[in-house]
């Protein structure tokens, strides 16, 4: 989980970049991860 203090120190642009990465990474641990990995749009 992202640390609020580290987010503040990086500024808004850094927060937006990290949050985007966090959202993408959260997909990998989503309940639908099995469907995600089986999706041909995401080749391994």
Protein backbone atom coordinates (compact mmCIF):
# COMPACT_ATOMS: atom_id res chain seq x y z
CA UNK A 1 0.00 0.00 0.00
CA UNK A 2 1.20 3.49 -0.82
CA UNK A 3 2.46 5.62 2.06
CA UNK A 4 0.70 8.99 2.27
CA UNK A 5 3.86 10.73 3.47
CA UNK A 6 5.90 9.43 0.51
CA UNK A 7 3.13 10.52 -1.85
CA UNK A 8 3.20 14.05 -0.42
CA UNK A 9 6.98 14.30 -0.76
CA UNK A 10 6.84 13.35 -4.45
CA UNK A 11 4.26 15.98 -5.37
CA UNK A 12 1.13 15.70 -7.46
CA UNK A 13 2.77 14.47 -10.67
CA UNK A 14 4.58 11.75 -8.73
CA UNK A 15 1.36 10.80 -6.98
CA UNK A 16 -0.51 10.52 -10.28
CA UNK A 17 2.21 8.30 -11.74
CA UNK A 18 2.38 6.09 -8.65
CA UNK A 19 -1.40 5.83 -8.40
CA UNK A 20 -1.61 4.79 -12.05
CA UNK A 21 0.97 2.06 -11.39
CA UNK A 22 -0.87 1.06 -8.22
CA UNK A 23 -4.14 0.68 -10.16
CA UNK A 24 -2.41 -1.44 -12.82
CA UNK A 25 -0.68 -3.59 -10.20
CA UNK A 26 -3.91 -4.04 -8.25
CA UNK A 27 -5.33 -5.76 -11.35
CA UNK A 28 -2.77 -8.54 -10.90
CA UNK A 29 -4.14 -9.26 -7.43
CA UNK A 30 -7.80 -8.73 -8.31
CA UNK A 31 -10.42 -11.42 -7.75
CA UNK A 32 -10.55 -11.73 -11.55
CA UNK A 33 -6.80 -12.39 -11.85
CA UNK A 34 -7.46 -15.78 -13.44
CA UNK A 35 -9.57 -14.19 -16.17
CA UNK A 36 -7.00 -11.40 -16.50
CA UNK A 37 -4.12 -13.81 -17.16
CA UNK A 38 -6.24 -15.87 -19.57
CA UNK A 39 -7.14 -12.77 -21.59
CA UNK A 40 -5.33 -12.99 -24.98
CA UNK A 41 -4.97 -9.19 -24.93
CA UNK A 42 -2.31 -9.68 -22.22
CA UNK A 43 0.24 -12.17 -23.63
CA UNK A 44 2.68 -13.56 -21.10
